[in-house]
Amino acid sequence: MPLIDCSHRIETGMPVYPGSDSVSVQPSATVERDGAHVTNLQMETHAGTHIDVPSHMIADGRTLDAFDVSLFTFDALIVDCTGKASREPITVADLPEPSDNDLLVLHTGWSKHWGTDAYRDHPYLDKDAATWCADHGYSVGIDCFSPDPTPSVDKTRESDSEPDGYPAHDALFATDRRIVENLTNLTALAREFELLAFPLAIPDGDGSPVRAVARCD
């Protein structure tokens, strides 16, 4: 089966969620000087294409190492949300009939804005839709910073500039669902596919960068 990379490159200065530490990828040793090339990588656990688990926002929430590694492979279903406008909610009416899949991947098309201010102004999953996903056993993937609204660069848009909590995260984490954020290359995928999103082995981890790879028939 063909494999399709759905991950953004990890590089110095890459986009990060507002208020997060920047990413740095710098050589700490070189072949010419030290006899070997070694790179120093500095990034938060929620930078780039990554996975969130409940301990990200719940004090006693389930951590990365509390999930069996098999639970980071998903039978995924694409949900076409490309008709949504900037900061428009994705509602229950936009979601498919319940299925045997365990991950809904919300394809907003917003990955085309990666590296621009517009990337913050993505569509988002409203609370009722997130609760519907959780109640039907779905984790969620999305091709933007978050299933919840992200603070806007334009602070004159008061209703957009500061999200009112994280209702989508809260609803999904309440039933131990996982969230895969900052996916890309979703236009290359079939409607159903297997998504492999293995985190680093971080003890008590709240999330981790992943190499998200889709396996399609």
N, C-alpha and C. Protein backbone atom coordinates (compact mmCIF):
# COMPACT_ATOMS: atom_id res chain seq x y z
N MET A 1 0.84 -1.19 0.00
CA MET A 1 0.00 0.00 0.00
C MET A 1 0.88 1.25 0.00
N PRO A 2 0.51 2.27 -0.76
CA PRO A 2 1.32 3.49 -0.77
C PRO A 2 1.26 4.21 0.57
N LEU A 3 2.40 4.84 0.93
CA LEU A 3 2.49 5.63 2.15
C LEU A 3 2.56 7.11 1.77
N ILE A 4 1.78 7.94 2.46
CA ILE A 4 1.74 9.37 2.17
C ILE A 4 2.06 10.13 3.44
N ASP A 5 3.08 10.99 3.37
CA ASP A 5 3.50 11.77 4.52
C ASP A 5 2.53 12.92 4.75
N CYS A 6 1.98 13.01 5.94
CA CYS A 6 1.02 14.07 6.29
C CYS A 6 1.59 15.00 7.34
N SER A 7 2.93 15.11 7.39
CA SER A 7 3.61 15.88 8.43
C SER A 7 4.30 17.11 7.84
N HIS A 8 4.29 18.18 8.61
CA HIS A 8 5.09 19.36 8.26
C HIS A 8 6.55 19.12 8.64
N ARG A 9 7.43 19.75 7.90
CA ARG A 9 8.86 19.68 8.20
C ARG A 9 9.16 20.39 9.52
N ILE A 10 10.08 19.83 10.29
CA ILE A 10 10.54 20.47 11.53
C ILE A 10 11.77 21.30 11.19
N GLU A 11 11.66 22.62 11.36
CA GLU A 11 12.76 23.49 11.00
C GLU A 11 12.73 24.76 11.84
N THR A 12 13.87 25.40 11.93
CA THR A 12 13.98 26.64 12.69
C THR A 12 12.96 27.67 12.21
N GLY A 13 12.27 28.27 13.17
CA GLY A 13 11.32 29.33 12.83
C GLY A 13 10.00 28.85 12.29
N MET A 14 9.71 27.56 12.35
CA MET A 14 8.44 27.05 11.84
C MET A 14 7.28 27.63 12.65
N PRO A 15 6.06 27.64 12.10
CA PRO A 15 4.92 28.15 12.86
C PRO A 15 4.68 27.35 14.14
N VAL A 16 4.35 28.08 15.20
CA VAL A 16 3.97 27.45 16.47
C VAL A 16 2.71 28.13 16.99
N TYR A 17 1.99 27.45 17.86
CA TYR A 17 0.78 28.02 18.44
C TYR A 17 1.13 29.31 19.17
N PRO A 18 0.30 30.35 19.06
CA PRO A 18 0.62 31.64 19.69
C PRO A 18 0.98 31.49 21.17
N GLY A 19 2.10 32.11 21.53
CA GLY A 19 2.58 32.05 22.91
C GLY A 19 3.53 30.91 23.19
N SER A 20 3.70 30.00 22.24
CA SER A 20 4.61 28.86 22.42
C SER A 20 6.05 29.25 22.12
N ASP A 21 6.99 28.48 22.66
CA ASP A 21 8.39 28.71 22.36
C ASP A 21 8.68 28.39 20.90
N SER A 22 9.61 29.11 20.32
CA SER A 22 9.98 28.87 18.93
C SER A 22 10.78 27.58 18.80
N VAL A 23 10.83 27.07 17.59
CA VAL A 23 11.57 25.84 17.28
C VAL A 23 12.96 26.21 16.75
N SER A 24 13.94 25.48 17.21
CA SER A 24 15.32 25.70 16.74
C SER A 24 15.93 24.36 16.35
N VAL A 25 16.50 24.31 15.15
CA VAL A 25 17.20 23.13 14.66
C VAL A 25 18.60 23.60 14.23
N GLN A 26 19.59 23.33 15.07
CA GLN A 26 20.93 23.87 14.84
C GLN A 26 21.99 22.79 15.03
N PRO A 27 23.08 22.84 14.24
CA PRO A 27 24.14 21.86 14.45
C PRO A 27 24.87 22.11 15.76
N SER A 28 25.11 21.05 16.53
CA SER A 28 25.91 21.16 17.74
C SER A 28 27.29 20.54 17.55
N ALA A 29 27.44 19.79 16.47
CA ALA A 29 28.75 19.24 16.11
C ALA A 29 28.78 19.06 14.59
N THR A 30 29.96 19.15 14.02
CA THR A 30 30.11 18.98 12.58
C THR A 30 31.18 17.94 12.29
N VAL A 31 31.10 17.34 11.10
CA VAL A 31 32.10 16.36 10.69
C VAL A 31 33.47 17.01 10.63
N GLU A 32 33.53 18.23 10.06
CA GLU A 32 34.82 18.91 9.89
C GLU A 32 35.48 19.23 11.23
N ARG A 33 34.68 19.66 12.20
CA ARG A 33 35.24 20.10 13.49
C ARG A 33 35.32 18.98 14.52
N ASP A 34 34.30 18.10 14.50
CA ASP A 34 34.17 17.14 15.60
C ASP A 34 34.21 15.68 15.16
N GLY A 35 34.20 15.44 13.87
CA GLY A 35 34.24 14.07 13.38
C GLY A 35 32.88 13.44 13.21
N ALA A 36 31.84 14.15 13.57
CA ALA A 36 30.47 13.65 13.40
C ALA A 36 29.52 14.85 13.34
N HIS A 37 28.44 14.66 12.60
CA HIS A 37 27.42 15.70 12.50
C HIS A 37 26.31 15.38 13.49
N VAL A 38 26.04 16.30 14.42
CA VAL A 38 25.00 16.14 15.43
C VAL A 38 24.16 17.42 15.44
N THR A 39 22.85 17.25 15.51
CA THR A 39 21.94 18.40 15.49
C THR A 39 21.26 18.57 16.83
N ASN A 40 21.19 19.81 17.29
CA ASN A 40 20.47 20.15 18.51
C ASN A 40 19.06 20.58 18.12
N LEU A 41 18.07 19.87 18.64
CA LEU A 41 16.67 20.14 18.33
C LEU A 41 15.98 20.64 19.59
N GLN A 42 15.40 21.86 19.52
CA GLN A 42 14.66 22.41 20.65
C GLN A 42 13.25 22.74 20.19
N MET A 43 12.27 22.10 20.83
CA MET A 43 10.88 22.35 20.48
C MET A 43 9.98 21.86 21.61
N GLU A 44 8.79 22.43 21.70
CA GLU A 44 7.81 21.97 22.67
C GLU A 44 7.13 20.71 22.16
N THR A 45 6.47 20.01 23.06
CA THR A 45 5.82 18.76 22.69
C THR A 45 4.62 18.96 21.77
N HIS A 46 4.14 20.21 21.66
CA HIS A 46 2.97 20.49 20.83
C HIS A 46 3.31 21.36 19.63
N ALA A 47 4.55 21.27 19.17
CA ALA A 47 4.97 21.99 17.97
C ALA A 47 4.87 21.07 16.75
N GLY A 48 4.63 21.69 15.60
CA GLY A 48 4.58 20.94 14.35
C GLY A 48 3.41 19.96 14.33
N THR A 49 3.52 18.95 13.49
CA THR A 49 2.52 17.90 13.45
C THR A 49 2.69 17.04 14.70
N HIS A 50 1.64 16.98 15.53
CA HIS A 50 1.81 16.35 16.83
C HIS A 50 0.49 15.75 17.31
N ILE A 51 0.59 15.00 18.39
CA ILE A 51 -0.59 14.39 18.99
C ILE A 51 -0.77 14.91 20.41
N ASP A 52 -2.03 15.20 20.77
CA ASP A 52 -2.41 15.60 22.13
C ASP A 52 -3.07 14.42 22.83
N VAL A 53 -2.79 14.28 24.13
CA VAL A 53 -3.51 13.31 24.96
C VAL A 53 -4.10 14.05 26.16
N PRO A 54 -5.02 13.43 26.91
CA PRO A 54 -5.76 14.16 27.94
C PRO A 54 -4.92 14.92 28.95
N SER A 55 -3.73 14.43 29.32
CA SER A 55 -2.94 15.13 30.33
C SER A 55 -2.47 16.50 29.85
N HIS A 56 -2.64 16.79 28.58
CA HIS A 56 -2.31 18.12 28.05
C HIS A 56 -3.14 19.20 28.74
N MET A 57 -4.39 18.87 29.10
CA MET A 57 -5.27 19.89 29.68
C MET A 57 -6.02 19.42 30.93
N ILE A 58 -5.82 18.17 31.33
CA ILE A 58 -6.47 17.64 32.53
C ILE A 58 -5.38 17.24 33.52
N ALA A 59 -5.44 17.75 34.75
CA ALA A 59 -4.37 17.55 35.72
C ALA A 59 -4.06 16.08 35.94
N ASP A 60 -5.08 15.24 36.04
CA ASP A 60 -4.87 13.81 36.25
C ASP A 60 -5.24 13.02 35.01
N GLY A 61 -5.16 13.66 33.86
CA GLY A 61 -5.54 13.02 32.61
C GLY A 61 -4.56 11.95 32.17
N ARG A 62 -5.03 11.11 31.29
CA ARG A 62 -4.22 9.99 30.80
C ARG A 62 -3.02 10.51 30.01
N THR A 63 -1.85 9.97 30.31
CA THR A 63 -0.60 10.41 29.68
C THR A 63 -0.24 9.53 28.48
N LEU A 64 0.75 9.97 27.73
CA LEU A 64 1.16 9.21 26.54
C LEU A 64 1.45 7.76 26.85
N ASP A 65 2.24 7.53 27.91
CA ASP A 65 2.65 6.15 28.20
C ASP A 65 1.55 5.30 28.80
N ALA A 66 0.38 5.90 29.07
CA ALA A 66 -0.77 5.13 29.54
C ALA A 66 -1.57 4.54 28.37
N PHE A 67 -1.22 4.92 27.15
CA PHE A 67 -1.86 4.38 25.96
C PHE A 67 -0.97 3.30 25.35
N ASP A 68 -1.56 2.17 25.03
CA ASP A 68 -0.81 1.15 24.29
C ASP A 68 -0.40 1.72 22.94
N VAL A 69 0.77 1.35 22.47
CA VAL A 69 1.27 1.92 21.21
C VAL A 69 0.33 1.65 20.04
N SER A 70 -0.46 0.59 20.13
CA SER A 70 -1.40 0.27 19.05
C SER A 70 -2.48 1.35 18.92
N LEU A 71 -2.70 2.13 19.98
CA LEU A 71 -3.75 3.16 19.96
C LEU A 71 -3.30 4.43 19.24
N PHE A 72 -2.10 4.39 18.66
CA PHE A 72 -1.64 5.51 17.84
C PHE A 72 -1.65 5.14 16.36
N THR A 73 -2.32 4.06 16.05
CA THR A 73 -2.69 3.75 14.66
C THR A 73 -4.21 3.87 14.58
N PHE A 74 -4.68 4.49 13.53
CA PHE A 74 -6.09 4.83 13.45
C PHE A 74 -6.68 4.40 12.11
N ASP A 75 -7.93 3.91 12.17
CA ASP A 75 -8.73 3.71 10.96
C ASP A 75 -9.45 5.03 10.70
N ALA A 76 -8.91 5.80 9.77
CA ALA A 76 -9.32 7.19 9.62
C ALA A 76 -10.32 7.39 8.49
N LEU A 77 -11.13 8.42 8.67
CA LEU A 77 -12.12 8.83 7.67
C LEU A 77 -12.00 10.33 7.48
N ILE A 78 -11.81 10.74 6.23
CA ILE A 78 -11.74 12.17 5.90
C ILE A 78 -13.14 12.78 5.96
N VAL A 79 -13.23 13.96 6.58
CA VAL A 79 -14.45 14.75 6.56
C VAL A 79 -14.14 16.03 5.79
N ASP A 80 -14.79 16.22 4.66
CA ASP A 80 -14.51 17.37 3.81
C ASP A 80 -15.12 18.64 4.41
N CYS A 81 -14.26 19.50 4.93
CA CYS A 81 -14.69 20.78 5.50
C CYS A 81 -14.10 21.95 4.71
N THR A 82 -13.70 21.68 3.48
CA THR A 82 -13.00 22.70 2.70
C THR A 82 -13.92 23.85 2.29
N GLY A 83 -15.22 23.68 2.43
CA GLY A 83 -16.14 24.77 2.13
C GLY A 83 -16.30 25.75 3.28
N LYS A 84 -15.70 25.47 4.40
CA LYS A 84 -15.83 26.35 5.56
C LYS A 84 -14.97 27.60 5.39
N ALA A 85 -15.51 28.72 5.86
CA ALA A 85 -14.79 29.98 5.79
C ALA A 85 -13.93 30.18 7.03
N SER A 86 -13.15 31.24 7.03
CA SER A 86 -12.31 31.60 8.16
C SER A 86 -13.13 31.67 9.45
N ARG A 87 -12.71 30.94 10.47
CA ARG A 87 -13.31 30.93 11.80
C ARG A 87 -14.77 30.49 11.81
N GLU A 88 -15.17 29.73 10.80
CA GLU A 88 -16.52 29.20 10.77
C GLU A 88 -16.56 27.87 11.52
N PRO A 89 -17.58 27.62 12.34
CA PRO A 89 -17.63 26.37 13.09
C PRO A 89 -17.96 25.16 12.21
N ILE A 90 -17.38 24.03 12.56
CA ILE A 90 -17.74 22.73 12.01
C ILE A 90 -18.75 22.14 13.00
N THR A 91 -19.93 21.84 12.54
CA THR A 91 -21.03 21.44 13.42
C THR A 91 -21.37 19.96 13.24
N VAL A 92 -22.26 19.48 14.06
CA VAL A 92 -22.72 18.09 13.95
C VAL A 92 -23.27 17.82 12.56
N ALA A 93 -23.93 18.79 11.96
CA ALA A 93 -24.51 18.62 10.63
C ALA A 93 -23.44 18.38 9.56
N ASP A 94 -22.21 18.76 9.83
CA ASP A 94 -21.11 18.56 8.87
C ASP A 94 -20.46 17.19 9.00
N LEU A 95 -20.80 16.45 10.04
CA LEU A 95 -20.14 15.18 10.31
C LEU A 95 -20.88 14.02 9.64
N PRO A 96 -20.17 12.93 9.36
CA PRO A 96 -20.78 11.80 8.65
C PRO A 96 -21.65 10.94 9.56
N GLU A 97 -22.36 10.03 8.96
CA GLU A 97 -23.07 9.01 9.75
C GLU A 97 -22.04 8.19 10.54
N PRO A 98 -22.39 7.72 11.73
CA PRO A 98 -21.45 6.92 12.52
C PRO A 98 -20.93 5.72 11.73
N SER A 99 -19.67 5.39 11.95
CA SER A 99 -19.02 4.30 11.22
C SER A 99 -18.11 3.54 12.17
N ASP A 100 -17.42 2.53 11.62
CA ASP A 100 -16.48 1.75 12.42
C ASP A 100 -15.11 2.41 12.53
N ASN A 101 -14.90 3.54 11.87
CA ASN A 101 -13.62 4.24 11.97
C ASN A 101 -13.43 4.77 13.38
N ASP A 102 -12.16 5.02 13.76
CA ASP A 102 -11.91 5.55 15.10
C ASP A 102 -11.25 6.93 15.08
N LEU A 103 -11.07 7.51 13.88
CA LEU A 103 -10.51 8.85 13.76
C LEU A 103 -11.22 9.59 12.64
N LEU A 104 -11.75 10.76 12.95
CA LEU A 104 -12.26 11.66 11.91
C LEU A 104 -11.20 12.70 11.63
N VAL A 105 -10.78 12.80 10.39
CA VAL A 105 -9.78 13.80 9.98
C VAL A 105 -10.51 14.93 9.28
N LEU A 106 -10.52 16.09 9.93
CA LEU A 106 -11.24 17.25 9.41
C LEU A 106 -10.35 17.97 8.41
N HIS A 107 -10.71 17.84 7.15
CA HIS A 107 -9.92 18.44 6.07
C HIS A 107 -10.48 19.83 5.77
N THR A 108 -9.88 20.85 6.37
CA THR A 108 -10.33 22.23 6.16
C THR A 108 -9.66 22.89 4.97
N GLY A 109 -8.52 22.33 4.54
CA GLY A 109 -7.72 22.97 3.49
C GLY A 109 -6.81 24.05 4.03
N TRP A 110 -6.78 24.21 5.35
CA TRP A 110 -6.03 25.34 5.93
C TRP A 110 -4.53 25.13 5.92
N SER A 111 -4.05 23.94 5.63
CA SER A 111 -2.60 23.73 5.58
C SER A 111 -1.94 24.57 4.49
N LYS A 112 -2.73 25.02 3.51
CA LYS A 112 -2.18 25.89 2.46
C LYS A 112 -1.72 27.23 3.03
N HIS A 113 -2.20 27.58 4.23
CA HIS A 113 -1.83 28.85 4.86
C HIS A 113 -0.66 28.70 5.83
N TRP A 114 -0.09 27.51 5.93
CA TRP A 114 1.04 27.26 6.85
C TRP A 114 2.12 28.31 6.62
N GLY A 115 2.59 28.92 7.69
CA GLY A 115 3.63 29.94 7.59
C GLY A 115 3.12 31.34 7.40
N THR A 116 1.79 31.53 7.39
CA THR A 116 1.21 32.86 7.25
C THR A 116 0.31 33.16 8.45
N ASP A 117 -0.01 34.45 8.64
CA ASP A 117 -0.91 34.83 9.73
C ASP A 117 -2.30 34.20 9.56
N ALA A 118 -2.71 33.97 8.30
CA ALA A 118 -4.04 33.41 8.03
C ALA A 118 -4.18 32.01 8.61
N TYR A 119 -3.07 31.33 8.88
CA TYR A 119 -3.15 29.97 9.41
C TYR A 119 -3.87 29.94 10.76
N ARG A 120 -3.84 31.06 11.50
CA ARG A 120 -4.51 31.13 12.79
C ARG A 120 -6.04 31.18 12.66
N ASP A 121 -6.52 31.60 11.52
CA ASP A 121 -7.95 31.89 11.37
C ASP A 121 -8.72 30.72 10.76
N HIS A 122 -8.39 29.54 11.17
CA HIS A 122 -8.95 28.31 10.62
C HIS A 122 -10.37 28.06 11.12
N PRO A 123 -11.13 27.25 10.39
CA PRO A 123 -12.40 26.74 10.94
C PRO A 123 -12.13 25.90 12.19
N TYR A 124 -13.15 25.68 12.98
CA TYR A 124 -12.95 24.96 14.23
C TYR A 124 -14.15 24.05 14.52
N LEU A 125 -13.92 23.08 15.37
CA LEU A 125 -14.96 22.11 15.75
C LEU A 125 -15.74 22.68 16.93
N ASP A 126 -17.05 22.85 16.77
CA ASP A 126 -17.79 23.42 17.89
C ASP A 126 -18.01 22.37 18.98
N LYS A 127 -18.46 22.84 20.15
CA LYS A 127 -18.54 21.96 21.33
C LYS A 127 -19.47 20.78 21.09
N ASP A 128 -20.63 21.01 20.48
CA ASP A 128 -21.58 19.92 20.25
C ASP A 128 -21.00 18.88 19.30
N ALA A 129 -20.29 19.35 18.27
CA ALA A 129 -19.69 18.41 17.31
C ALA A 129 -18.57 17.61 17.96
N ALA A 130 -17.78 18.25 18.81
CA ALA A 130 -16.71 17.54 19.52
C ALA A 130 -17.31 16.50 20.47
N THR A 131 -18.38 16.86 21.14
CA THR A 131 -19.06 15.91 22.03
C THR A 131 -19.62 14.73 21.24
N TRP A 132 -20.17 15.01 20.06
CA TRP A 132 -20.67 13.95 19.18
C TRP A 132 -19.54 13.00 18.81
N CYS A 133 -18.38 13.54 18.46
CA CYS A 133 -17.23 12.70 18.11
C CYS A 133 -16.83 11.83 19.30
N ALA A 134 -16.73 12.43 20.47
CA ALA A 134 -16.35 11.67 21.67
C ALA A 134 -17.36 10.58 21.98
N ASP A 135 -18.64 10.91 21.89
CA ASP A 135 -19.69 9.95 22.22
C ASP A 135 -19.72 8.78 21.24
N HIS A 136 -19.25 9.01 20.01
CA HIS A 136 -19.25 7.95 19.00
C HIS A 136 -17.88 7.27 18.86
N GLY A 137 -17.00 7.53 19.81
CA GLY A 137 -15.73 6.82 19.86
C GLY A 137 -14.66 7.32 18.91
N TYR A 138 -14.79 8.56 18.43
CA TYR A 138 -13.83 9.10 17.49
C TYR A 138 -12.78 9.97 18.17
N SER A 139 -11.52 9.75 17.85
CA SER A 139 -10.50 10.76 18.02
C SER A 139 -10.60 11.70 16.81
N VAL A 140 -9.84 12.80 16.85
CA VAL A 140 -9.97 13.82 15.81
C VAL A 140 -8.59 14.23 15.31
N GLY A 141 -8.47 14.36 13.99
CA GLY A 141 -7.30 14.96 13.37
C GLY A 141 -7.74 16.20 12.61
N ILE A 142 -6.82 17.15 12.44
CA ILE A 142 -7.17 18.39 11.74
C ILE A 142 -5.92 19.00 11.13
N ASP A 143 -6.10 19.72 10.02
CA ASP A 143 -4.97 20.29 9.29
C ASP A 143 -4.75 21.75 9.66
N CYS A 144 -4.77 22.04 10.95
CA CYS A 144 -4.52 23.38 11.45
C CYS A 144 -4.05 23.29 12.89
N PHE A 145 -3.88 24.44 13.56
CA PHE A 145 -3.30 24.45 14.90
C PHE A 145 -4.11 23.64 15.91
N SER A 146 -5.44 23.65 15.79
CA SER A 146 -6.26 23.13 16.87
C SER A 146 -7.68 22.90 16.39
N PRO A 147 -8.41 21.96 17.00
CA PRO A 147 -9.84 21.86 16.71
C PRO A 147 -10.63 23.00 17.37
N ASP A 148 -10.02 23.70 18.32
CA ASP A 148 -10.62 24.90 18.92
C ASP A 148 -10.09 26.14 18.19
N PRO A 149 -10.78 27.28 18.33
CA PRO A 149 -10.27 28.51 17.71
C PRO A 149 -8.89 28.88 18.25
N THR A 150 -8.07 29.48 17.38
CA THR A 150 -6.73 29.95 17.73
C THR A 150 -6.76 31.48 17.81
N PRO A 151 -6.04 32.10 18.76
CA PRO A 151 -6.02 33.56 18.80
C PRO A 151 -5.60 34.15 17.45
N SER A 152 -6.29 35.21 17.06
CA SER A 152 -6.01 35.87 15.78
C SER A 152 -4.87 36.87 15.92
N VAL A 153 -4.15 37.10 14.83
CA VAL A 153 -3.15 38.16 14.80
C VAL A 153 -3.84 39.52 14.89
N ASP A 154 -5.03 39.62 14.31
CA ASP A 154 -5.76 40.88 14.26
C ASP A 154 -6.50 41.08 15.58
N LYS A 155 -5.90 41.82 16.50
CA LYS A 155 -6.47 42.01 17.84
C LYS A 155 -7.67 42.95 17.81
N THR A 156 -7.95 43.60 16.66
CA THR A 156 -9.14 44.45 16.58
C THR A 156 -10.40 43.61 16.47
N ARG A 157 -10.25 42.33 16.12
CA ARG A 157 -11.39 41.43 16.03
C ARG A 157 -11.56 40.78 17.40
N GLU A 158 -12.21 41.50 18.31
CA GLU A 158 -12.24 41.07 19.70
C GLU A 158 -12.84 39.68 19.88
N SER A 159 -13.85 39.36 19.10
CA SER A 159 -14.50 38.05 19.26
C SER A 159 -13.61 36.92 18.78
N ASP A 160 -12.62 37.25 17.94
CA ASP A 160 -11.74 36.23 17.39
C ASP A 160 -10.42 36.14 18.12
N SER A 161 -10.00 37.23 18.77
CA SER A 161 -8.62 37.33 19.22
C SER A 161 -8.30 36.38 20.37
N GLU A 162 -9.25 36.10 21.25
CA GLU A 162 -9.00 35.22 22.38
C GLU A 162 -10.06 34.13 22.45
N PRO A 163 -9.69 32.87 22.26
CA PRO A 163 -10.67 31.78 22.35
C PRO A 163 -11.29 31.71 23.74
N ASP A 164 -12.53 31.26 23.79
CA ASP A 164 -13.25 31.10 25.05
C ASP A 164 -13.02 29.68 25.54
N GLY A 165 -11.84 29.42 26.10
CA GLY A 165 -11.50 28.09 26.57
C GLY A 165 -11.21 27.14 25.42
N TYR A 166 -11.28 25.85 25.70
CA TYR A 166 -10.95 24.81 24.72
C TYR A 166 -12.04 23.73 24.76
N PRO A 167 -13.26 24.08 24.38
CA PRO A 167 -14.37 23.13 24.52
C PRO A 167 -14.21 21.86 23.70
N ALA A 168 -13.60 21.94 22.51
CA ALA A 168 -13.40 20.73 21.72
C ALA A 168 -12.40 19.79 22.39
N HIS A 169 -11.27 20.36 22.84
CA HIS A 169 -10.31 19.55 23.59
C HIS A 169 -10.98 18.92 24.81
N ASP A 170 -11.72 19.73 25.56
CA ASP A 170 -12.33 19.23 26.80
C ASP A 170 -13.27 18.05 26.52
N ALA A 171 -14.09 18.18 25.49
CA ALA A 171 -15.06 17.12 25.18
C ALA A 171 -14.35 15.84 24.75
N LEU A 172 -13.32 15.96 23.95
CA LEU A 172 -12.60 14.78 23.46
C LEU A 172 -11.78 14.13 24.57
N PHE A 173 -11.12 14.95 25.37
CA PHE A 173 -10.29 14.39 26.45
C PHE A 173 -11.13 13.74 27.54
N ALA A 174 -12.37 14.16 27.68
CA ALA A 174 -13.24 13.58 28.72
C ALA A 174 -13.46 12.09 28.51
N THR A 175 -13.31 11.62 27.26
CA THR A 175 -13.46 10.19 26.97
C THR A 175 -12.16 9.57 26.45
N ASP A 176 -11.02 10.20 26.81
CA ASP A 176 -9.69 9.68 26.48
C ASP A 176 -9.42 9.61 24.98
N ARG A 177 -10.06 10.48 24.21
CA ARG A 177 -9.75 10.55 22.78
C ARG A 177 -8.42 11.27 22.58
N ARG A 178 -7.81 11.05 21.43
CA ARG A 178 -6.58 11.73 21.07
C ARG A 178 -6.86 12.74 19.96
N ILE A 179 -5.99 13.74 19.84
CA ILE A 179 -6.14 14.79 18.83
C ILE A 179 -4.83 14.92 18.07
N VAL A 180 -4.89 14.82 16.75
CA VAL A 180 -3.70 14.99 15.91
C VAL A 180 -3.84 16.34 15.19
N GLU A 181 -2.87 17.22 15.40
CA GLU A 181 -2.96 18.58 14.90
C GLU A 181 -1.86 18.89 13.88
N ASN A 182 -2.12 19.90 13.07
CA ASN A 182 -1.17 20.36 12.04
C ASN A 182 -0.85 19.26 11.01
N LEU A 183 -1.87 18.54 10.59
CA LEU A 183 -1.70 17.60 9.48
C LEU A 183 -1.58 18.38 8.18
N THR A 184 -1.06 17.74 7.16
CA THR A 184 -0.96 18.36 5.85
C THR A 184 -1.05 17.29 4.77
N ASN A 185 -1.15 17.73 3.53
CA ASN A 185 -1.18 16.82 2.37
C ASN A 185 -2.42 15.95 2.35
N LEU A 186 -3.52 16.44 2.89
CA LEU A 186 -4.72 15.62 2.97
C LEU A 186 -5.41 15.44 1.62
N THR A 187 -5.17 16.33 0.69
CA THR A 187 -5.79 16.19 -0.64
C THR A 187 -5.29 14.94 -1.35
N ALA A 188 -4.17 14.40 -0.92
CA ALA A 188 -3.60 13.22 -1.58
C ALA A 188 -4.22 11.91 -1.09
N LEU A 189 -5.12 11.99 -0.11
CA LEU A 189 -5.61 10.78 0.56
C LEU A 189 -6.94 10.31 0.01
N ALA A 190 -7.16 9.01 0.13
CA ALA A 190 -8.48 8.44 -0.11
C ALA A 190 -9.40 8.82 1.04
N ARG A 191 -10.70 8.59 0.87
CA ARG A 191 -11.64 8.97 1.93
C ARG A 191 -11.40 8.16 3.21
N GLU A 192 -11.01 6.91 3.07
CA GLU A 192 -10.68 6.08 4.22
C GLU A 192 -9.24 5.61 4.09
N PHE A 193 -8.54 5.60 5.20
CA PHE A 193 -7.12 5.21 5.19
C PHE A 193 -6.69 4.88 6.62
N GLU A 194 -5.51 4.34 6.75
CA GLU A 194 -4.93 4.11 8.06
C GLU A 194 -3.93 5.23 8.34
N LEU A 195 -4.05 5.85 9.50
CA LEU A 195 -3.09 6.89 9.88
C LEU A 195 -2.21 6.36 11.00
N LEU A 196 -0.91 6.43 10.77
CA LEU A 196 0.08 6.05 11.76
C LEU A 196 0.64 7.34 12.35
N ALA A 197 0.50 7.53 13.66
CA ALA A 197 0.93 8.77 14.30
C ALA A 197 1.59 8.44 15.64
N PHE A 198 2.78 7.84 15.55
CA PHE A 198 3.45 7.35 16.76
C PHE A 198 4.19 8.49 17.46
N PRO A 199 3.93 8.68 18.76
CA PRO A 199 4.65 9.71 19.52
C PRO A 199 6.01 9.21 19.99
N LEU A 200 6.84 10.14 20.44
CA LEU A 200 8.07 9.77 21.12
C LEU A 200 7.73 9.14 22.46
N ALA A 201 8.64 8.32 22.97
CA ALA A 201 8.41 7.61 24.24
C ALA A 201 8.76 8.54 25.40
N ILE A 202 7.87 9.50 25.67
CA ILE A 202 8.08 10.51 26.71
C ILE A 202 7.33 10.08 27.98
N PRO A 203 8.03 9.78 29.07
CA PRO A 203 7.34 9.37 30.31
C PRO A 203 6.38 10.47 30.78
N ASP A 204 5.17 10.09 31.12
CA ASP A 204 4.15 11.03 31.60
C ASP A 204 3.90 12.15 30.60
N GLY A 205 4.06 11.86 29.33
CA GLY A 205 3.95 12.90 28.30
C GLY A 205 2.54 13.42 28.11
N ASP A 206 2.45 14.72 27.79
CA ASP A 206 1.17 15.37 27.52
C ASP A 206 0.89 15.46 26.02
N GLY A 207 1.86 15.09 25.23
CA GLY A 207 1.75 15.13 23.78
C GLY A 207 3.13 14.95 23.18
N SER A 208 3.20 14.87 21.87
CA SER A 208 4.49 14.64 21.23
C SER A 208 4.42 14.94 19.74
N PRO A 209 5.52 15.46 19.17
CA PRO A 209 5.60 15.48 17.71
C PRO A 209 5.47 14.06 17.17
N VAL A 210 4.86 13.95 15.99
CA VAL A 210 4.72 12.65 15.34
C VAL A 210 5.11 12.78 13.88
N ARG A 211 5.52 11.68 13.29
CA ARG A 211 5.60 11.58 11.83
C ARG A 211 4.31 10.93 11.40
N ALA A 212 3.35 11.73 11.01
CA ALA A 212 2.03 11.23 10.64
C ALA A 212 2.08 10.71 9.20
N VAL A 213 1.81 9.44 9.04
CA VAL A 213 1.90 8.79 7.73
C VAL A 213 0.60 8.06 7.46
N ALA A 214 0.05 8.30 6.29
CA ALA A 214 -1.18 7.64 5.89
C ALA A 214 -0.85 6.44 5.01
N ARG A 215 -1.53 5.33 5.25
CA ARG A 215 -1.40 4.14 4.43
C ARG A 215 -2.74 3.93 3.74
N CYS A 216 -2.72 4.04 2.42
CA CYS A 216 -3.96 3.99 1.63
C CYS A 216 -3.98 2.76 0.75
N ASP A 217 -5.18 2.26 0.48
CA ASP A 217 -5.32 1.16 -0.49
C ASP A 217 -5.03 1.69 -1.89
